[in-house]
Amino acid sequence: MHKGFVLWFTGLSGAGKSTISNIIEARLRAAGAEVELLDGDVVRTHLSKGLTFSKEDRDINIRRIGFVAELLARHGVIVLVAAISPYRAMREEVRSTIANFVEVYVECPIAVLAERDVKGLYKKALAGEIAHFTGVSDPYEPPLNPEVTVHSSLETPQESADRIWATLERSGLIFDRAAPRARQQGLDLVCGIELSTKFRARTVHLLGYFLHEPPSDGFRGWLAQMQATRRDRNLRMAARLRSLGIDVTIEEVERKGRSLAGRPHFARIMLEKGYVSTIQQAFDEYLDESAKGYVDRDEPDLKLGIQRIAAAGGISSIAHPVRLGYHDPAQVRTLVLEMRDAGLSALEVYHSDHRPRDVEQYLALSREFDLGVTGGSDFHGDVKPGVKLGSGAGGNLNIPRSVLERLREIQPRVS
């Protein structure tokens, strides 16, 4: 049975919760998933018929929806909930009862909602003619750290759905749906992730590969916390860039990002607005770790990242070790040994940035310290136009299939 989860849409009336959830529902059904949609308006005519719009009755309504959602998810169903659910405490209460809970905040300004409202309900509420109208005469408490925020006044429903879908992919929640289709096409699909960690006061990218099964719920929950810190960094980076005269907003960045966004999306906006002439210039002058617009984020220690991956049944590997900033072979050897002693499983030997002599050096170290070997092109689309998927920079990559087969041999199955 595949893993169930709850995708909870919250936002003001008319923001687009039902429209976007319908798009996600159709996409999941097309992928062969078992899905149920609990729409707030429909629930009130059946499960919660007779309840008023007092705070007490609103809480009862959300508890009922949460109970049904948890029950379905526990039995492998993907549950989409589209309900205003105005009170933060109630949403958090429901979250605490559901193992895999993804909160989607559908944000839209009241002025835009009033313009959209063909029934004139917002106009009447603003005139004091409707009591207990959420966002006007009743409070709405926006999420503080939702897994996804979409801005329905700035993007189409399809764009919002795409960003939500990307978040589900990143979290591993829909990996189980992709795996059977990959097998049908003769593709070998591997669940993986790249984490930013700290080691010797530097940012080190750590890869995690889950070759037998997707990562555990505990690992996914930890990732959700990491993603929240990433969004906080993005907010601070947008403010930092504005202080430097670069007009970039978090809404623009998240609209580009399709999920929790990052520096490449800042770079694209800066290019489009004419602040830089290339993506690389955006990084060199503003976004690189040593550049004036960079803002640090709260990154986990490398050893903690290694431990988390191992506990979730994965293999950890240092990404593109050539970028660690150590060029003396003796220093590199000491560094890799220290990482191995911290629990590291493998070393990324094959990479688009690695020259033949780099590959030889890292192969030798992996043999000396009994580490696995990984490889990848580090394809990033138009952010790195010179790097092609699978073949690297100028065709410098041809990773043997034996690399994957060997990793499967050394990764233990989690019982």
Protein backbone atom coordinates (compact mmCIF):
# COMPACT_ATOMS: atom_id res chain seq x y z
CA MET A 1 0.00 0.00 0.00
CA HIS A 2 1.33 3.45 -0.81
CA LYS A 3 1.84 6.07 1.87
CA GLY A 4 -1.06 8.39 2.59
CA PHE A 5 -0.71 12.04 3.48
CA VAL A 6 -2.82 15.16 4.00
CA LEU A 7 -2.48 18.27 1.86
CA TRP A 8 -4.27 20.99 3.82
CA PHE A 9 -5.24 24.16 1.91
CA THR A 10 -5.96 27.19 4.10
CA GLY A 11 -6.77 30.76 3.10
CA LEU A 12 -9.55 33.29 2.86
CA SER A 13 -12.83 32.66 1.07
CA GLY A 14 -12.38 32.96 -2.68
CA ALA A 15 -8.58 32.75 -2.57
CA GLY A 16 -8.55 29.69 -4.84
CA LYS A 17 -8.24 26.74 -2.46
CA SER A 18 -10.83 24.59 -4.23
CA THR A 19 -9.62 25.48 -7.72
CA ILE A 20 -6.00 24.60 -6.97
CA SER A 21 -6.89 21.47 -5.00
CA ASN A 22 -9.01 20.26 -7.92
CA ILE A 23 -5.97 20.54 -10.21
CA ILE A 24 -3.82 18.57 -7.76
CA GLU A 25 -6.58 15.98 -7.33
CA ALA A 26 -6.83 15.41 -11.08
CA ARG A 27 -3.06 15.09 -11.39
CA LEU A 28 -2.86 12.56 -8.57
CA ARG A 29 -5.71 10.49 -10.01
CA ALA A 30 -4.00 10.50 -13.41
CA ALA A 31 -0.93 9.08 -11.66
CA GLY A 32 -3.04 6.24 -10.28
CA ALA A 33 -3.24 7.45 -6.67
CA GLU A 34 -6.19 6.93 -4.34
CA VAL A 35 -7.40 10.45 -3.50
CA GLU A 36 -10.21 12.05 -1.51
CA LEU A 37 -11.03 15.77 -1.50
CA LEU A 38 -12.69 17.26 1.58
CA ASP A 39 -14.02 20.65 0.53
CA GLY A 40 -15.04 22.94 3.37
CA ASP A 41 -18.32 24.00 1.78
CA VAL A 42 -19.34 20.39 1.06
CA VAL A 43 -18.36 19.23 4.55
CA ARG A 44 -20.57 21.92 6.12
CA THR A 45 -23.63 20.63 4.22
CA HIS A 46 -23.12 17.04 5.44
CA LEU A 47 -20.61 16.20 8.18
CA SER A 48 -20.97 19.57 9.93
CA LYS A 49 -24.54 20.43 9.04
CA GLY A 50 -26.13 22.67 11.67
CA LEU A 51 -22.90 24.20 12.96
CA THR A 52 -22.74 27.98 13.17
CA PHE A 53 -19.79 30.26 12.41
CA SER A 54 -18.92 30.91 16.05
CA LYS A 55 -15.34 30.15 17.05
CA GLU A 56 -16.46 27.07 19.00
CA ASP A 57 -18.35 25.63 16.04
CA ARG A 58 -15.57 26.49 13.62
CA ASP A 59 -13.18 24.52 15.85
CA ILE A 60 -15.56 21.56 15.93
CA ASN A 61 -15.79 21.64 12.14
CA ILE A 62 -12.01 21.59 11.69
CA ARG A 63 -11.60 18.80 14.26
CA ARG A 64 -14.13 16.70 12.34
CA ILE A 65 -12.37 17.30 9.05
CA GLY A 66 -9.04 16.49 10.68
CA PHE A 67 -10.39 13.25 12.15
CA VAL A 68 -11.65 12.03 8.78
CA ALA A 69 -8.46 13.14 7.01
CA GLU A 70 -6.23 11.30 9.51
CA LEU A 71 -8.32 8.14 9.23
CA LEU A 72 -8.11 8.11 5.44
CA ALA A 73 -4.39 8.97 5.33
CA ARG A 74 -3.62 6.23 7.85
CA HIS A 75 -5.09 3.74 5.37
CA GLY A 76 -2.99 4.94 2.44
CA VAL A 77 -5.29 7.58 0.95
CA ILE A 78 -4.04 10.98 -0.18
CA VAL A 79 -6.40 13.52 1.37
CA LEU A 80 -6.81 17.06 0.06
CA VAL A 81 -8.54 19.45 2.46
CA ALA A 82 -9.75 22.81 1.15
CA ALA A 83 -11.12 24.74 4.12
CA ILE A 84 -10.67 28.29 5.38
CA SER A 85 -9.62 26.91 8.81
CA PRO A 86 -8.99 30.41 10.16
CA TYR A 87 -7.39 29.64 13.51
CA ARG A 88 -3.72 28.76 13.68
CA ALA A 89 -4.03 26.75 16.90
CA MET A 90 -6.65 24.46 15.37
CA ARG A 91 -4.55 23.81 12.28
CA GLU A 92 -1.59 22.97 14.50
CA GLU A 93 -3.77 20.67 16.58
CA VAL A 94 -4.78 18.77 13.45
CA ARG A 95 -1.18 18.69 12.24
CA SER A 96 -0.12 17.03 15.50
CA THR A 97 -2.46 14.08 14.81
CA ILE A 98 -1.34 13.38 11.23
CA ALA A 99 2.00 11.77 10.37
CA ASN A 100 2.39 13.34 6.93
CA PHE A 101 0.82 16.80 6.93
CA VAL A 102 1.55 19.43 4.28
CA GLU A 103 0.08 22.90 4.87
CA VAL A 104 -0.58 25.07 1.81
CA TYR A 105 -1.32 28.73 2.43
CA VAL A 106 -3.28 30.20 -0.48
CA GLU A 107 -2.59 33.90 0.02
CA CYS A 108 -4.61 36.66 -1.62
CA PRO A 109 -5.20 40.28 -0.51
CA ILE A 110 -8.73 41.20 0.55
CA ALA A 111 -8.85 44.00 -2.06
CA VAL A 112 -8.32 41.43 -4.81
CA LEU A 113 -10.86 39.05 -3.29
CA ALA A 114 -13.47 41.82 -3.16
CA GLU A 115 -12.91 42.52 -6.85
CA ARG A 116 -13.28 38.82 -7.71
CA ASP A 117 -16.42 38.31 -5.62
CA VAL A 118 -19.34 38.23 -8.05
CA LYS A 119 -21.81 37.69 -5.16
CA GLY A 120 -20.64 40.86 -3.44
CA LEU A 121 -20.12 39.13 -0.08
CA TYR A 122 -16.88 40.95 0.71
CA LYS A 123 -18.50 44.28 -0.11
CA LYS A 124 -21.36 43.51 2.25
CA ALA A 125 -19.00 42.27 4.97
CA LEU A 126 -16.85 45.38 4.68
CA ALA A 127 -20.04 47.44 5.00
CA GLY A 128 -20.92 45.58 8.21
CA GLU A 129 -23.86 43.74 6.68
CA ILE A 130 -22.47 40.22 7.28
CA ALA A 131 -21.36 39.07 10.72
CA HIS A 132 -18.59 36.53 11.37
CA PHE A 133 -17.08 36.94 7.92
CA THR A 134 -13.51 35.61 8.02
CA GLY A 135 -10.87 38.19 7.25
CA VAL A 136 -13.28 41.11 7.78
CA SER A 137 -15.44 40.80 10.90
CA ASP A 138 -13.82 37.54 12.08
CA PRO A 139 -10.06 36.94 12.33
CA TYR A 140 -7.95 34.90 9.95
CA GLU A 141 -4.55 33.83 11.30
CA PRO A 142 -2.10 33.09 8.45
CA PRO A 143 0.29 30.16 8.89
CA LEU A 144 3.70 31.06 10.27
CA ASN A 145 5.65 28.23 8.61
CA PRO A 146 3.54 26.50 5.94
CA GLU A 147 5.24 23.93 3.73
CA VAL A 148 4.05 25.93 0.69
CA THR A 149 2.76 29.46 0.15
CA VAL A 150 1.10 30.30 -3.15
CA HIS A 151 -0.05 33.77 -4.17
CA SER A 152 -3.24 33.43 -6.19
CA SER A 153 -3.32 37.14 -7.05
CA LEU A 154 0.08 36.88 -8.73
CA GLU A 155 0.07 33.44 -10.36
CA THR A 156 -2.34 31.20 -12.24
CA PRO A 157 -3.96 28.20 -10.52
CA GLN A 158 -1.78 25.93 -12.66
CA GLU A 159 1.38 27.74 -11.57
CA SER A 160 0.33 27.38 -7.95
CA ALA A 161 -0.42 23.68 -8.46
CA ASP A 162 2.99 23.18 -10.09
CA ARG A 163 4.75 24.68 -7.08
CA ILE A 164 2.76 22.50 -4.69
CA TRP A 165 3.53 19.43 -6.77
CA ALA A 166 7.24 20.26 -6.71
CA THR A 167 7.12 20.45 -2.92
CA LEU A 168 5.50 17.02 -2.73
CA GLU A 169 8.24 15.66 -4.98
CA ARG A 170 10.96 17.25 -2.84
CA SER A 171 9.45 15.82 0.32
CA GLY A 172 9.37 12.31 -1.14
CA LEU A 173 5.63 11.96 -0.58
CA ILE A 174 4.85 11.21 -4.23
CA PHE A 175 8.00 9.22 -4.95
CA ASP A 176 6.01 6.00 -4.52
CA ARG A 177 3.76 7.06 -7.41
CA ALA A 178 6.71 7.81 -9.70
CA ALA A 179 8.55 4.53 -9.05
CA PRO A 180 6.04 2.15 -10.77
CA ARG A 181 5.83 4.41 -13.83
CA ALA A 182 9.60 4.62 -14.02
CA ARG A 183 9.78 0.82 -14.00
CA GLN A 184 7.24 0.67 -16.82
CA GLN A 185 9.52 2.90 -18.88
CA GLY A 186 12.61 0.87 -18.04
CA LEU A 187 14.06 3.63 -15.85
CA ASP A 188 15.88 3.05 -12.58
CA LEU A 189 14.52 5.73 -10.25
CA VAL A 190 16.49 6.61 -7.12
CA CYS A 191 15.17 8.81 -4.33
CA GLY A 192 17.79 11.34 -3.32
CA ILE A 193 18.39 14.72 -1.73
CA GLU A 194 21.11 17.36 -1.46
CA LEU A 195 21.48 19.10 1.91
CA SER A 196 23.44 22.19 2.88
CA THR A 197 25.43 21.46 6.05
CA LYS A 198 28.20 23.10 8.05
CA PHE A 199 31.70 21.64 8.43
CA ARG A 200 34.74 23.56 9.66
CA ALA A 201 32.66 26.76 9.46
CA ARG A 202 32.04 26.18 5.73
CA THR A 203 28.95 25.16 3.81
CA VAL A 204 29.32 21.57 2.61
CA HIS A 205 26.73 19.93 0.35
CA LEU A 206 25.74 16.47 1.52
CA LEU A 207 23.96 13.99 -0.74
CA GLY A 208 21.55 11.36 0.55
CA TYR A 209 20.58 8.34 -1.55
CA PHE A 210 17.73 6.00 -0.64
CA LEU A 211 18.20 3.08 -3.00
CA HIS A 212 15.75 0.52 -1.59
CA GLU A 213 12.91 2.56 -0.12
CA PRO A 214 12.03 6.26 0.28
CA PRO A 215 13.16 7.91 3.55
CA SER A 216 11.28 7.52 6.78
CA ASP A 217 8.56 9.82 8.12
CA GLY A 218 10.96 11.06 10.77
CA PHE A 219 13.46 12.15 8.13
CA ARG A 220 10.73 13.93 6.16
CA GLY A 221 9.63 15.78 9.28
CA TRP A 222 13.21 16.92 9.86
CA LEU A 223 13.38 18.11 6.24
CA ALA A 224 10.24 20.18 6.75
CA GLN A 225 12.01 21.99 9.58
CA MET A 226 15.03 22.61 7.34
CA GLN A 227 12.79 23.98 4.59
CA ALA A 228 11.27 26.44 7.05
CA THR A 229 14.76 27.82 7.82
CA ARG A 230 15.38 28.13 4.10
CA ARG A 231 12.33 30.35 3.67
CA ASP A 232 13.43 32.48 6.60
CA ARG A 233 16.81 32.93 4.88
CA ASN A 234 15.05 33.90 1.65
CA LEU A 235 13.09 36.60 3.47
CA ARG A 236 16.29 38.01 4.94
CA MET A 237 18.08 37.79 1.60
CA ALA A 238 15.30 39.70 -0.17
CA ALA A 239 15.57 42.42 2.49
CA ARG A 240 19.35 42.50 2.13
CA LEU A 241 19.15 42.86 -1.66
CA ARG A 242 16.61 45.68 -1.34
CA SER A 243 19.03 47.49 0.98
CA LEU A 244 21.54 47.27 -1.88
CA GLY A 245 19.08 48.79 -4.34
CA ILE A 246 17.92 45.49 -5.88
CA ASP A 247 14.11 45.47 -6.02
CA VAL A 248 13.32 41.79 -5.39
CA THR A 249 10.41 40.56 -3.27
CA ILE A 250 9.86 37.18 -1.63
CA GLU A 251 6.60 36.83 -3.56
CA GLU A 252 8.46 37.10 -6.88
CA VAL A 253 11.06 34.59 -5.76
CA GLU A 254 8.50 32.04 -4.57
CA ARG A 255 6.53 32.46 -7.76
CA LYS A 256 9.66 31.48 -9.68
CA GLY A 257 10.67 28.73 -7.31
CA ARG A 258 7.81 26.24 -7.83
CA SER A 259 8.50 25.13 -4.26
CA LEU A 260 10.63 26.59 -1.52
CA ALA A 261 12.83 28.83 -3.61
CA GLY A 262 16.55 29.55 -3.47
CA ARG A 263 19.36 31.67 -4.83
CA PRO A 264 18.92 30.59 -8.50
CA HIS A 265 15.45 32.13 -8.44
CA PHE A 266 16.78 35.38 -7.02
CA ALA A 267 19.32 35.34 -9.84
CA ARG A 268 16.66 34.85 -12.53
CA ILE A 269 14.63 37.79 -11.27
CA MET A 270 17.73 40.01 -11.12
CA LEU A 271 18.52 39.04 -14.71
CA GLU A 272 14.96 39.72 -15.90
CA LYS A 273 14.94 43.15 -14.22
CA GLY A 274 18.26 44.12 -15.74
CA TYR A 275 20.32 44.32 -12.56
CA VAL A 276 22.79 41.79 -14.00
CA SER A 277 23.58 40.59 -17.52
CA THR A 278 24.03 36.89 -16.65
CA ILE A 279 23.03 34.42 -13.97
CA GLN A 280 26.70 33.97 -13.14
CA GLN A 281 27.11 37.71 -12.57
CA ALA A 282 24.22 37.61 -10.08
CA PHE A 283 26.05 34.96 -8.09
CA ASP A 284 29.49 36.53 -8.39
CA GLU A 285 28.39 39.99 -7.27
CA TYR A 286 25.43 39.33 -4.97
CA LEU A 287 24.53 35.70 -4.17
CA ASP A 288 27.72 33.70 -3.73
CA GLU A 289 28.78 32.98 -0.15
CA SER A 290 31.46 35.68 -0.35
CA ALA A 291 29.25 38.23 -2.18
CA LYS A 292 27.66 41.35 -0.70
CA GLY A 293 24.04 40.17 -0.97
CA TYR A 294 24.54 36.76 0.60
CA VAL A 295 22.74 35.90 3.84
CA ASP A 296 23.72 32.84 5.84
CA ARG A 297 21.16 30.26 6.85
CA ASP A 298 20.82 27.98 9.84
CA GLU A 299 22.43 24.83 8.45
CA PRO A 300 22.78 21.53 10.34
CA ASP A 301 26.19 20.21 11.23
CA LEU A 302 27.62 17.76 8.68
CA LYS A 303 27.75 14.96 11.25
CA LEU A 304 24.08 15.47 12.12
CA GLY A 305 23.15 15.34 8.43
CA ILE A 306 25.09 12.09 8.02
CA GLN A 307 23.40 10.61 11.08
CA ARG A 308 19.92 11.64 9.89
CA ILE A 309 20.45 10.07 6.47
CA ALA A 310 21.81 6.86 7.98
CA ALA A 311 18.93 6.62 10.47
CA ALA A 312 16.49 6.96 7.57
CA GLY A 313 18.15 4.09 5.71
CA GLY A 314 20.20 6.13 3.25
CA ILE A 315 23.76 6.49 2.02
CA SER A 316 25.52 9.82 2.60
CA SER A 317 27.99 11.24 0.09
CA ILE A 318 29.96 14.49 -0.08
CA ALA A 319 28.88 16.42 -3.19
CA HIS A 320 31.50 17.83 -5.62
CA PRO A 321 34.44 17.63 -3.20
CA VAL A 322 36.53 19.76 -5.56
CA ARG A 323 34.50 22.76 -4.33
CA LEU A 324 35.48 22.30 -0.69
CA GLY A 325 38.34 24.72 -1.19
CA TYR A 326 41.21 22.34 -0.35
CA HIS A 327 43.69 21.64 -3.14
CA ASP A 328 46.68 20.16 -1.38
CA PRO A 329 46.33 16.32 -1.61
CA ALA A 330 47.40 15.88 2.02
CA GLN A 331 44.78 18.37 3.20
CA VAL A 332 42.08 16.69 1.10
CA ARG A 333 43.04 13.30 2.52
CA THR A 334 42.81 14.60 6.10
CA LEU A 335 39.44 16.18 5.35
CA VAL A 336 37.94 13.03 3.84
CA LEU A 337 39.27 10.92 6.71
CA GLU A 338 37.62 13.25 9.22
CA MET A 339 34.33 13.00 7.33
CA ARG A 340 34.62 9.20 7.13
CA ASP A 341 35.13 9.07 10.89
CA ALA A 342 31.96 11.18 11.25
CA GLY A 343 30.06 8.37 9.52
CA LEU A 344 30.25 9.36 5.83
CA SER A 345 29.30 6.52 3.47
CA ALA A 346 30.55 7.69 0.07
CA LEU A 347 32.32 10.32 -2.00
CA GLU A 348 31.05 11.94 -5.20
CA VAL A 349 33.89 10.94 -7.51
CA TYR A 350 32.22 11.77 -10.83
CA HIS A 351 30.99 15.35 -11.31
CA SER A 352 30.85 17.97 -14.07
CA ASP A 353 33.49 20.08 -12.27
CA HIS A 354 35.95 17.21 -11.82
CA ARG A 355 38.94 16.90 -14.11
CA PRO A 356 40.45 13.45 -14.83
CA ARG A 357 43.08 13.96 -12.13
CA ASP A 358 40.34 14.89 -9.62
CA VAL A 359 38.49 11.67 -10.45
CA GLU A 360 41.68 9.67 -9.93
CA GLN A 361 42.33 11.36 -6.58
CA TYR A 362 38.81 10.77 -5.25
CA LEU A 363 38.73 7.18 -6.51
CA ALA A 364 41.96 6.52 -4.64
CA LEU A 365 40.59 8.06 -1.45
CA SER A 366 37.36 6.08 -1.69
CA ARG A 367 39.41 2.87 -1.95
CA GLU A 368 41.76 3.84 0.89
CA PHE A 369 38.94 4.70 3.29
CA ASP A 370 36.47 2.04 2.07
CA LEU A 371 33.92 4.60 0.90
CA GLY A 372 31.27 4.12 -1.74
CA VAL A 373 31.43 6.02 -5.02
CA THR A 374 28.69 8.30 -6.34
CA GLY A 375 28.40 10.55 -9.35
CA GLY A 376 26.13 13.07 -11.04
CA SER A 377 26.05 15.83 -13.61
CA ASP A 378 24.62 18.44 -11.18
CA PHE A 379 22.20 19.53 -13.90
CA HIS A 380 20.39 22.79 -13.03
CA GLY A 381 18.67 23.70 -16.30
CA ASP A 382 19.30 27.21 -17.61
CA VAL A 383 21.05 28.19 -14.38
CA LYS A 384 24.00 26.12 -15.65
CA PRO A 385 23.60 26.13 -19.45
CA GLY A 386 26.97 24.45 -20.00
CA VAL A 387 26.00 21.35 -17.99
CA LYS A 388 23.87 18.71 -19.70
CA LEU A 389 21.75 16.14 -17.92
CA GLY A 390 23.76 12.95 -17.46
CA SER A 391 26.71 13.91 -19.67
CA GLY A 392 28.04 16.88 -17.70
CA ALA A 393 30.13 19.75 -19.06
CA GLY A 394 31.16 19.17 -22.66
CA GLY A 395 30.40 15.47 -22.35
CA ASN A 396 32.96 14.89 -19.60
CA LEU A 397 30.77 12.38 -17.77
CA ASN A 398 29.94 8.77 -18.54
CA ILE A 399 29.22 7.28 -15.12
CA PRO A 400 29.38 3.47 -15.13
CA ARG A 401 26.21 1.65 -14.10
CA SER A 402 28.39 -0.38 -11.76
CA VAL A 403 28.47 2.71 -9.49
CA LEU A 404 24.74 2.35 -8.79
CA GLU A 405 24.93 -1.42 -8.48
CA ARG A 406 27.76 -1.16 -5.95
CA LEU A 407 25.81 1.38 -3.88
CA ARG A 408 22.86 -1.00 -3.72
CA GLU A 409 25.18 -3.69 -2.42
CA ILE A 410 26.56 -1.57 0.41
CA GLN A 411 23.31 0.07 1.53
CA PRO A 412 21.55 -2.07 4.14
CA ARG A 413 17.80 -2.43 3.96
CA VAL A 414 15.90 -0.89 6.86
CA SER A 415 13.71 -3.46 8.55
